[in-house]
PDB file of N, CA and C in Angstrom:
ATOM      1  N   UNK A   1     -13.390  80.449 103.763  1.00  0.00           N
ATOM      2  CA  UNK A   1     -13.559  79.030 103.947  1.00  0.00           C
ATOM      3  C   UNK A   1     -14.633  78.548 102.984  1.00  0.00           C
ATOM      4  N   UNK A   2     -14.391  77.444 102.349  1.00  0.00           N
ATOM      5  CA  UNK A   2     -15.347  76.873 101.410  1.00  0.00           C
ATOM      6  C   UNK A   2     -16.419  76.091 102.157  1.00  0.00           C
ATOM      7  N   UNK A   3     -17.677  76.094 101.651  1.00  0.00           N
ATOM      8  CA  UNK A   3     -18.724  75.310 102.304  1.00  0.00           C
ATOM      9  C   UNK A   3     -18.326  73.842 102.429  1.00  0.00           C
ATOM     10  N   UNK A   4     -18.558  73.281 103.598  1.00  0.00           N
ATOM     11  CA  UNK A   4     -18.245  71.880 103.831  1.00  0.00           C
ATOM     12  C   UNK A   4     -16.784  71.604 104.140  1.00  0.00           C
ATOM     13  N   UNK A   5     -15.955  72.647 104.110  1.00  0.00           N
ATOM     14  CA  UNK A   5     -14.532  72.463 104.391  1.00  0.00           C
ATOM     15  C   UNK A   5     -14.355  72.098 105.863  1.00  0.00           C
ATOM     16  N   UNK A   6     -13.536  71.107 106.114  1.00  0.00           N
ATOM     17  CA  UNK A   6     -13.272  70.662 107.480  1.00  0.00           C
ATOM     18  C   UNK A   6     -12.011  71.357 107.979  1.00  0.00           C
ATOM     19  N   UNK A   7     -12.125  71.968 109.131  1.00  0.00           N
ATOM     20  CA  UNK A   7     -10.995  72.651 109.743  1.00  0.00           C
ATOM     21  C   UNK A   7     -10.328  71.740 110.759  1.00  0.00           C
ATOM     22  N   UNK A   8      -9.018  71.841 110.843  1.00  0.00           N
ATOM     23  CA  UNK A   8      -8.280  71.160 111.898  1.00  0.00           C
ATOM     24  C   UNK A   8      -8.052  72.195 112.997  1.00  0.00           C
ATOM     25  N   UNK A   9      -8.824  72.087 114.077  1.00  0.00           N
ATOM     26  CA  UNK A   9      -8.775  73.076 115.151  1.00  0.00           C
ATOM     27  C   UNK A   9      -8.212  72.425 116.409  1.00  0.00           C
ATOM     28  N   UNK A  10      -7.178  73.058 116.955  1.00  0.00           N
ATOM     29  CA  UNK A  10      -6.585  72.617 118.213  1.00  0.00           C
ATOM     30  C   UNK A  10      -6.831  73.736 119.227  1.00  0.00           C
ATOM     31  N   UNK A  11      -7.404  73.358 120.356  1.00  0.00           N
ATOM     32  CA  UNK A  11      -7.761  74.294 121.411  1.00  0.00           C
ATOM     33  C   UNK A  11      -6.862  74.013 122.607  1.00  0.00           C
ATOM     34  N   UNK A  12      -5.905  74.919 122.850  1.00  0.00           N
ATOM     35  CA  UNK A  12      -4.970  74.773 123.970  1.00  0.00           C
ATOM     36  C   UNK A  12      -5.585  75.436 125.193  1.00  0.00           C
ATOM     37  N   UNK A  13      -5.630  74.702 126.290  1.00  0.00           N
ATOM     38  CA  UNK A  13      -6.322  75.149 127.483  1.00  0.00           C
ATOM     39  C   UNK A  13      -5.593  74.653 128.720  1.00  0.00           C
ATOM     40  N   UNK A  14      -6.171  74.937 129.874  1.00  0.00           N
ATOM     41  CA  UNK A  14      -5.691  74.363 131.138  1.00  0.00           C
ATOM     42  C   UNK A  14      -6.855  74.332 132.115  1.00  0.00           C
ATOM     43  N   UNK A  15      -6.753  73.436 133.064  1.00  0.00           N
ATOM     44  CA  UNK A  15      -7.814  73.262 134.071  1.00  0.00           C
ATOM     45  C   UNK A  15      -7.983  74.553 134.879  1.00  0.00           C
ATOM     46  N   UNK A  16      -9.241  74.929 135.119  1.00  0.00           N
ATOM     47  CA  UNK A  16      -9.518  76.089 135.955  1.00  0.00           C
ATOM     48  C   UNK A  16      -9.438  77.421 135.241  1.00  0.00           C
ATOM     49  N   UNK A  17      -9.342  77.415 133.934  1.00  0.00           N
ATOM     50  CA  UNK A  17      -9.206  78.649 133.150  1.00  0.00           C
ATOM     51  C   UNK A  17     -10.597  79.111 132.712  1.00  0.00           C
ATOM     52  N   UNK A  18     -11.110  80.188 133.331  1.00  0.00           N
ATOM     53  CA  UNK A  18     -12.447  80.662 132.973  1.00  0.00           C
ATOM     54  C   UNK A  18     -12.500  81.234 131.560  1.00  0.00           C
ATOM     55  N   UNK A  19     -11.412  81.836 131.095  1.00  0.00           N
ATOM     56  CA  UNK A  19     -11.374  82.322 129.711  1.00  0.00           C
ATOM     57  C   UNK A  19     -11.442  81.158 128.727  1.00  0.00           C
ATOM     58  N   UNK A  20     -10.862  80.028 129.122  1.00  0.00           N
ATOM     59  CA  UNK A  20     -10.926  78.829 128.278  1.00  0.00           C
ATOM     60  C   UNK A  20     -12.357  78.318 128.177  1.00  0.00           C
ATOM     61  N   UNK A  21     -13.086  78.367 129.285  1.00  0.00           N
ATOM     62  CA  UNK A  21     -14.495  77.961 129.260  1.00  0.00           C
ATOM     63  C   UNK A  21     -15.290  78.858 128.310  1.00  0.00           C
ATOM     64  N   UNK A  22     -15.030  80.154 128.375  1.00  0.00           N
ATOM     65  CA  UNK A  22     -15.710  81.102 127.480  1.00  0.00           C
ATOM     66  C   UNK A  22     -15.361  80.818 126.019  1.00  0.00           C
ATOM     67  N   UNK A  23     -14.091  80.566 125.747  1.00  0.00           N
ATOM     68  CA  UNK A  23     -13.648  80.304 124.374  1.00  0.00           C
ATOM     69  C   UNK A  23     -14.276  79.024 123.836  1.00  0.00           C
ATOM     70  N   UNK A  24     -14.342  77.999 124.663  1.00  0.00           N
ATOM     71  CA  UNK A  24     -14.950  76.738 124.231  1.00  0.00           C
ATOM     72  C   UNK A  24     -16.417  76.955 123.874  1.00  0.00           C
ATOM     73  N   UNK A  25     -17.105  77.784 124.644  1.00  0.00           N
ATOM     74  CA  UNK A  25     -18.515  78.070 124.359  1.00  0.00           C
ATOM     75  C   UNK A  25     -18.669  78.788 123.025  1.00  0.00           C
ATOM     76  N   UNK A  26     -17.783  79.703 122.713  1.00  0.00           N
ATOM     77  CA  UNK A  26     -17.832  80.414 121.431  1.00  0.00           C
ATOM     78  C   UNK A  26     -17.589  79.445 120.279  1.00  0.00           C
ATOM     79  N   UNK A  27     -16.604  78.573 120.426  1.00  0.00           N
ATOM     80  CA  UNK A  27     -16.322  77.593 119.377  1.00  0.00           C
ATOM     81  C   UNK A  27     -17.521  76.673 119.151  1.00  0.00           C
ATOM     82  N   UNK A  28     -18.096  76.181 120.231  1.00  0.00           N
ATOM     83  CA  UNK A  28     -19.273  75.300 120.112  1.00  0.00           C
ATOM     84  C   UNK A  28     -20.451  76.033 119.476  1.00  0.00           C
ATOM     85  N   UNK A  29     -20.655  77.294 119.843  1.00  0.00           N
ATOM     86  CA  UNK A  29     -21.767  78.074 119.299  1.00  0.00           C
ATOM     87  C   UNK A  29     -21.651  78.243 117.784  1.00  0.00           C
ATOM     88  N   UNK A  30     -20.430  78.157 117.281  1.00  0.00           N
ATOM     89  CA  UNK A  30     -20.194  78.276 115.844  1.00  0.00           C
ATOM     90  C   UNK A  30     -20.073  76.915 115.163  1.00  0.00           C
ATOM     91  N   UNK A  31     -20.377  75.854 115.919  1.00  0.00           N
ATOM     92  CA  UNK A  31     -20.369  74.515 115.354  1.00  0.00           C
ATOM     93  C   UNK A  31     -18.993  73.959 115.067  1.00  0.00           C
ATOM     94  N   UNK A  32     -17.994  74.487 115.751  1.00  0.00           N
ATOM     95  CA  UNK A  32     -16.615  74.056 115.500  1.00  0.00           C
ATOM     96  C   UNK A  32     -16.251  72.942 116.476  1.00  0.00           C
ATOM     97  N   UNK A  33     -15.805  71.837 115.922  1.00  0.00           N
ATOM     98  CA  UNK A  33     -15.273  70.766 116.756  1.00  0.00           C
ATOM     99  C   UNK A  33     -13.761  70.952 116.827  1.00  0.00           C
ATOM    100  N   UNK A  34     -13.190  70.548 117.929  1.00  0.00           N
ATOM    101  CA  UNK A  34     -11.765  70.803 118.135  1.00  0.00           C
ATOM    102  C   UNK A  34     -11.134  69.692 118.939  1.00  0.00           C
ATOM    103  N   UNK A  35      -9.817  69.643 118.824  1.00  0.00           N
ATOM    104  CA  UNK A  35      -9.008  68.758 119.665  1.00  0.00           C
ATOM    105  C   UNK A  35      -8.581  69.598 120.863  1.00  0.00           C
ATOM    106  N   UNK A  36      -8.938  69.166 122.052  1.00  0.00           N
ATOM    107  CA  UNK A  36      -8.601  69.898 123.271  1.00  0.00           C
ATOM    108  C   UNK A  36      -7.274  69.395 123.822  1.00  0.00           C
ATOM    109  N   UNK A  37      -6.356  70.314 124.089  1.00  0.00           N
ATOM    110  CA  UNK A  37      -5.037  69.962 124.605  1.00  0.00           C
ATOM    111  C   UNK A  37      -4.785  70.764 125.880  1.00  0.00           C
ATOM    112  N   UNK A  38      -4.575  70.063 126.990  1.00  0.00           N
ATOM    113  CA  UNK A  38      -4.234  70.706 128.257  1.00  0.00           C
ATOM    114  C   UNK A  38      -2.731  70.966 128.251  1.00  0.00           C
ATOM    115  N   UNK A  39      -2.364  72.242 128.254  1.00  0.00           N
ATOM    116  CA  UNK A  39      -0.935  72.568 128.140  1.00  0.00           C
ATOM    117  C   UNK A  39      -0.136  72.072 129.334  1.00  0.00           C
ATOM    118  N   UNK A  40      -0.792  71.910 130.485  1.00  0.00           N
ATOM    119  CA  UNK A  40      -0.067  71.476 131.682  1.00  0.00           C
ATOM    120  C   UNK A  40       0.418  70.032 131.609  1.00  0.00           C
ATOM    121  N   UNK A  41      -0.019  69.301 130.580  1.00  0.00           N
ATOM    122  CA  UNK A  41       0.453  67.931 130.369  1.00  0.00           C
ATOM    123  C   UNK A  41       1.757  67.879 129.583  1.00  0.00           C
ATOM    124  N   UNK A  42       2.234  69.044 129.105  1.00  0.00           N
ATOM    125  CA  UNK A  42       3.429  69.077 128.253  1.00  0.00           C
ATOM    126  C   UNK A  42       4.259  70.313 128.590  1.00  0.00           C
ATOM    127  N   UNK A  43       5.446  70.124 129.197  1.00  0.00           N
ATOM    128  CA  UNK A  43       6.277  71.263 129.590  1.00  0.00           C
ATOM    129  C   UNK A  43       6.600  72.224 128.432  1.00  0.00           C
ATOM    130  N   UNK A  44       6.737  71.708 127.234  1.00  0.00           N
ATOM    131  CA  UNK A  44       7.018  72.585 126.092  1.00  0.00           C
ATOM    132  C   UNK A  44       5.834  73.495 125.790  1.00  0.00           C
ATOM    133  N   UNK A  45       4.625  72.959 125.922  1.00  0.00           N
ATOM    134  CA  UNK A  45       3.436  73.785 125.695  1.00  0.00           C
ATOM    135  C   UNK A  45       3.261  74.814 126.807  1.00  0.00           C
ATOM    136  N   UNK A  46       3.607  74.445 128.038  1.00  0.00           N
ATOM    137  CA  UNK A  46       3.556  75.414 129.142  1.00  0.00           C
ATOM    138  C   UNK A  46       4.498  76.568 128.831  1.00  0.00           C
ATOM    139  N   UNK A  47       5.696  76.253 128.382  1.00  0.00           N
ATOM    140  CA  UNK A  47       6.663  77.296 128.056  1.00  0.00           C
ATOM    141  C   UNK A  47       6.150  78.185 126.914  1.00  0.00           C
ATOM    142  N   UNK A  48       5.508  77.571 125.940  1.00  0.00           N
ATOM    143  CA  UNK A  48       5.046  78.301 124.752  1.00  0.00           C
ATOM    144  C   UNK A  48       3.792  79.142 125.018  1.00  0.00           C
ATOM    145  N   UNK A  49       2.834  78.602 125.790  1.00  0.00           N
ATOM    146  CA  UNK A  49       1.528  79.244 125.937  1.00  0.00           C
ATOM    147  C   UNK A  49       1.138  79.603 127.372  1.00  0.00           C
ATOM    148  N   UNK A  50       2.038  79.541 128.316  1.00  0.00           N
ATOM    149  CA  UNK A  50       1.708  79.636 129.741  1.00  0.00           C
ATOM    150  C   UNK A  50       0.682  80.709 130.082  1.00  0.00           C
ATOM    151  N   UNK A  51       0.918  81.939 129.736  1.00  0.00           N
ATOM    152  CA  UNK A  51       0.009  83.026 130.110  1.00  0.00           C
ATOM    153  C   UNK A  51      -0.912  83.440 128.972  1.00  0.00           C
ATOM    154  N   UNK A  52      -0.935  82.681 127.907  1.00  0.00           N
ATOM    155  CA  UNK A  52      -1.715  83.051 126.724  1.00  0.00           C
ATOM    156  C   UNK A  52      -3.001  82.262 126.552  1.00  0.00           C
ATOM    157  N   UNK A  53      -3.229  81.214 127.351  1.00  0.00           N
ATOM    158  CA  UNK A  53      -4.409  80.388 127.132  1.00  0.00           C
ATOM    159  C   UNK A  53      -5.667  81.183 127.409  1.00  0.00           C
ATOM    160  N   UNK A  54      -6.713  80.898 126.691  1.00  0.00           N
ATOM    161  CA  UNK A  54      -6.839  79.881 125.663  1.00  0.00           C
ATOM    162  C   UNK A  54      -6.142  80.297 124.374  1.00  0.00           C
ATOM    163  N   UNK A  55      -5.694  79.299 123.645  1.00  0.00           N
ATOM    164  CA  UNK A  55      -5.098  79.508 122.332  1.00  0.00           C
ATOM    165  C   UNK A  55      -5.839  78.601 121.360  1.00  0.00           C
ATOM    166  N   UNK A  56      -6.244  79.177 120.231  1.00  0.00           N
ATOM    167  CA  UNK A  56      -6.947  78.407 119.208  1.00  0.00           C
ATOM    168  C   UNK A  56      -6.108  78.427 117.941  1.00  0.00           C
ATOM    169  N   UNK A  57      -5.747  77.233 117.507  1.00  0.00           N
ATOM    170  CA  UNK A  57      -4.959  77.050 116.293  1.00  0.00           C
ATOM    171  C   UNK A  57      -5.879  76.440 115.239  1.00  0.00           C
ATOM    172  N   UNK A  58      -5.957  77.080 114.082  1.00  0.00           N
ATOM    173  CA  UNK A  58      -6.804  76.582 113.004  1.00  0.00           C
ATOM    174  C   UNK A  58      -5.925  76.285 111.806  1.00  0.00           C
ATOM    175  N   UNK A  59      -5.962  75.041 111.369  1.00  0.00           N
ATOM    176  CA  UNK A  59      -5.149  74.580 110.245  1.00  0.00           C
ATOM    177  C   UNK A  59      -3.682  74.972 110.399  1.00  0.00           C
ATOM    178  N   UNK A  60      -3.164  74.793 111.622  1.00  0.00           N
ATOM    179  CA  UNK A  60      -1.744  75.002 111.884  1.00  0.00           C
ATOM    180  C   UNK A  60      -1.331  76.429 112.172  1.00  0.00           C
ATOM    181  N   UNK A  61      -2.288  77.367 112.188  1.00  0.00           N
ATOM    182  CA  UNK A  61      -1.973  78.775 112.436  1.00  0.00           C
ATOM    183  C   UNK A  61      -2.714  79.233 113.687  1.00  0.00           C
ATOM    184  N   UNK A  62      -1.984  79.834 114.629  1.00  0.00           N
ATOM    185  CA  UNK A  62      -2.626  80.368 115.827  1.00  0.00           C
ATOM    186  C   UNK A  62      -3.459  81.571 115.410  1.00  0.00           C
ATOM    187  N   UNK A  63      -4.777  81.493 115.655  1.00  0.00           N
ATOM    188  CA  UNK A  63      -5.704  82.562 115.260  1.00  0.00           C
ATOM    189  C   UNK A  63      -6.172  83.388 116.452  1.00  0.00           C
ATOM    190  N   UNK A  64      -6.216  82.778 117.645  1.00  0.00           N
ATOM    191  CA  UNK A  64      -6.692  83.491 118.831  1.00  0.00           C
ATOM    192  C   UNK A  64      -5.821  83.129 120.023  1.00  0.00           C
ATOM    193  N   UNK A  65      -5.547  84.146 120.848  1.00  0.00           N
ATOM    194  CA  UNK A  65      -4.830  83.968 122.117  1.00  0.00           C
ATOM    195  C   UNK A  65      -5.567  84.764 123.174  1.00  0.00           C
ATOM    196  N   UNK A  66      -5.829  84.132 124.316  1.00  0.00           N
ATOM    197  CA  UNK A  66      -6.424  84.840 125.434  1.00  0.00           C
ATOM    198  C   UNK A  66      -7.923  84.982 125.383  1.00  0.00           C
ATOM    199  N   UNK A  67      -8.480  85.123 124.205  1.00  0.00           N
ATOM    200  CA  UNK A  67      -9.923  85.293 124.058  1.00  0.00           C
ATOM    201  C   UNK A  67     -10.290  84.978 122.624  1.00  0.00           C
ATOM    202  N   UNK A  68     -11.428  84.351 122.432  1.00  0.00           N
ATOM    203  CA  UNK A  68     -11.925  84.074 121.083  1.00  0.00           C
ATOM    204  C   UNK A  68     -13.056  85.062 120.822  1.00  0.00           C
ATOM    205  N   UNK A  69     -12.848  85.927 119.860  1.00  0.00           N
ATOM    206  CA  UNK A  69     -13.839  86.928 119.486  1.00  0.00           C
ATOM    207  C   UNK A  69     -14.790  86.315 118.466  1.00  0.00           C
ATOM    208  N   UNK A  70     -16.062  86.176 118.842  1.00  0.00           N
ATOM    209  CA  UNK A  70     -17.049  85.550 117.968  1.00  0.00           C
ATOM    210  C   UNK A  70     -17.179  86.259 116.633  1.00  0.00           C
ATOM    211  N   UNK A  71     -17.107  87.589 116.627  1.00  0.00           N
ATOM    212  CA  UNK A  71     -17.221  88.361 115.388  1.00  0.00           C
ATOM    213  C   UNK A  71     -16.054  88.052 114.444  1.00  0.00           C
ATOM    214  N   UNK A  72     -14.856  88.029 114.980  1.00  0.00           N
ATOM    215  CA  UNK A  72     -13.690  87.707 114.146  1.00  0.00           C
ATOM    216  C   UNK A  72     -13.737  86.261 113.669  1.00  0.00           C
ATOM    217  N   UNK A  73     -14.222  85.381 114.515  1.00  0.00           N
ATOM    218  CA  UNK A  73     -14.343  83.978 114.127  1.00  0.00           C
ATOM    219  C   UNK A  73     -15.324  83.833 112.964  1.00  0.00           C
ATOM    220  N   UNK A  74     -16.460  84.534 113.036  1.00  0.00           N
ATOM    221  CA  UNK A  74     -17.436  84.487 111.929  1.00  0.00           C
ATOM    222  C   UNK A  74     -16.803  84.988 110.632  1.00  0.00           C
ATOM    223  N   UNK A  75     -16.039  86.054 110.717  1.00  0.00           N
ATOM    224  CA  UNK A  75     -15.347  86.572 109.513  1.00  0.00           C
ATOM    225  C   UNK A  75     -14.406  85.527 108.939  1.00  0.00           C
ATOM    226  N   UNK A  76     -13.672  84.876 109.822  1.00  0.00           N
ATOM    227  CA  UNK A  76     -12.734  83.859 109.368  1.00  0.00           C
ATOM    228  C   UNK A  76     -13.462  82.707 108.680  1.00  0.00           C
ATOM    229  N   UNK A  77     -14.610  82.338 109.211  1.00  0.00           N
ATOM    230  CA  UNK A  77     -15.346  81.189 108.667  1.00  0.00           C
ATOM    231  C   UNK A  77     -16.016  81.475 107.330  1.00  0.00           C
ATOM    232  N   UNK A  78     -16.165  82.729 106.958  1.00  0.00           N
ATOM    233  CA  UNK A  78     -16.789  83.068 105.677  1.00  0.00           C
ATOM    234  C   UNK A  78     -15.931  82.709 104.506  1.00  0.00           C
TER     235      UNK A  78
END
């Protein structure tokens, strides 16, 4: 990633998901802003991500499912 490059990050989540809370904390700790999408508001997203949340999509590519690894995220951001 180039310095100053803006990422388009979509964070797929659902209410009551403790793994989603953990993932959001990791994203915030790395200074990443994201668009939060509750999959339960869209039947197609439920079908696509039902048991996989949290899901983090960066620039149109799913990079994390189920857990956001801070170490891997740092590598990606370099």
